[in-house]
Amino acid sequence: MKPKVSILVPIYNVSKYIVRCAESLFNQTFTDIEYIFVNDSTPDDSIEKLQSVLEKYPNRKSQVKIIHHTENKGLACARNTALDEADGEYIMVADSDDFLEINAVEVMYNAAIQENADIVVSDFYLEYPSDNQIEINCLPENDRDALMYLFLDKIRIGLWAKLIKSELYKCENCKVPDGLNYLEDRYVMIRLFHFAKKIIKVEGVFYHYVQYNLSAITKSKTEQHFKNTIQFWSETIQFLKNQNVYDLYSNILSQRKIKDKARLMIDVKSSVIRKKYADMFSEIPKYQVRHLKKGERLMLFLVDKRQFWLTNILREIFILKQKYRKKS
């Protein structure tokens, strides 16, 4: 008999966090869960710690699969591996440095069945070292507007804090290309929200999105992030054009593209890379920068003027502000 829910968990370099994550998963009040962990050739003892936790939950052992990659293939490929192995009616994704409330699966699955929903979303915590803050996911009254809410950040782009019908998620159009390890959640969510017939929200805060794992891929940017961003936008725009909906979102997409460029320019350390990608998305009208934050506009102004030595100073200011926030 197929499980009701499959939880997919890629593992790489999360020794400090995997115990808390695994315990939150194995302690779920919902019983009919399949757990699929993918060891993406992690260099630390994350798998040993996972297995140690599992020993404390003998009732869960038969529900757990641990799949091993012989080489590090990246987050997208690890999730695809887990997805290919998943048999659940619904899919949930958890990052291995995050954790869930123990009733998360039960509440979201029951809501999905009651409403015959393709996707269930919830609110979530941004988890900082000293406290947390609640982030709200807002759903439109009409599901046809869900994509616009996604582009406007009214719905958080992450796959986590969502329960997704397996047959929808396994649609070929919804799988992330191997190697797209940045913006991979957004790549999938755009397709899922486009194809979903019913999206609902449950009341409650069920997912803890950890903000202090400095080794996470989202915390430091390299040239590969620029390449992934270009690939993401090329394939996303083509997808929306193929679905005959691109014109509905073209203006907001231009805003999102220029914001992505600004964030990359801020987050990348190398001024050489900034110089190499200074003309990225140059087709976007200059006036779209008015939608950005002041610091983002300033970074793009300096890049446009080729003042790369000043971009390094500006980046250091951003880093100092971020460190101050984490300490406070």
Foldseek 3Di string as FASTA:
>chain_A
DAFAEEEEEEDADQLVAQLQALCQVLLAPDQRYAYEYEDQVHPDCSVVSNVVSVVVRVSCVVRYDYHYDPHRQADQVSRVVSLVVHRHQKYAYDYSNKHWHRHLCVQQSVVCVVVVWQKEAEWAWADFPVGIDIDGQDDDPDLVCRLVCPLVVSHPQARHRMMGGSVLCPDPQQRFPGLLNPCNSNSNSNSSSVPIPHYYYDYDYIIYHYDPPCVDPVNADDLSNVVSLVVSVVVVLVVCVVVVNCVVCVLSVLLVSLLSLLVRLLRYQDLVSLQVCLCPSVVRDPVSCVPDDPLSNVSNVCSVVVVSVVSNVSSVVVVVVVVVVSVD
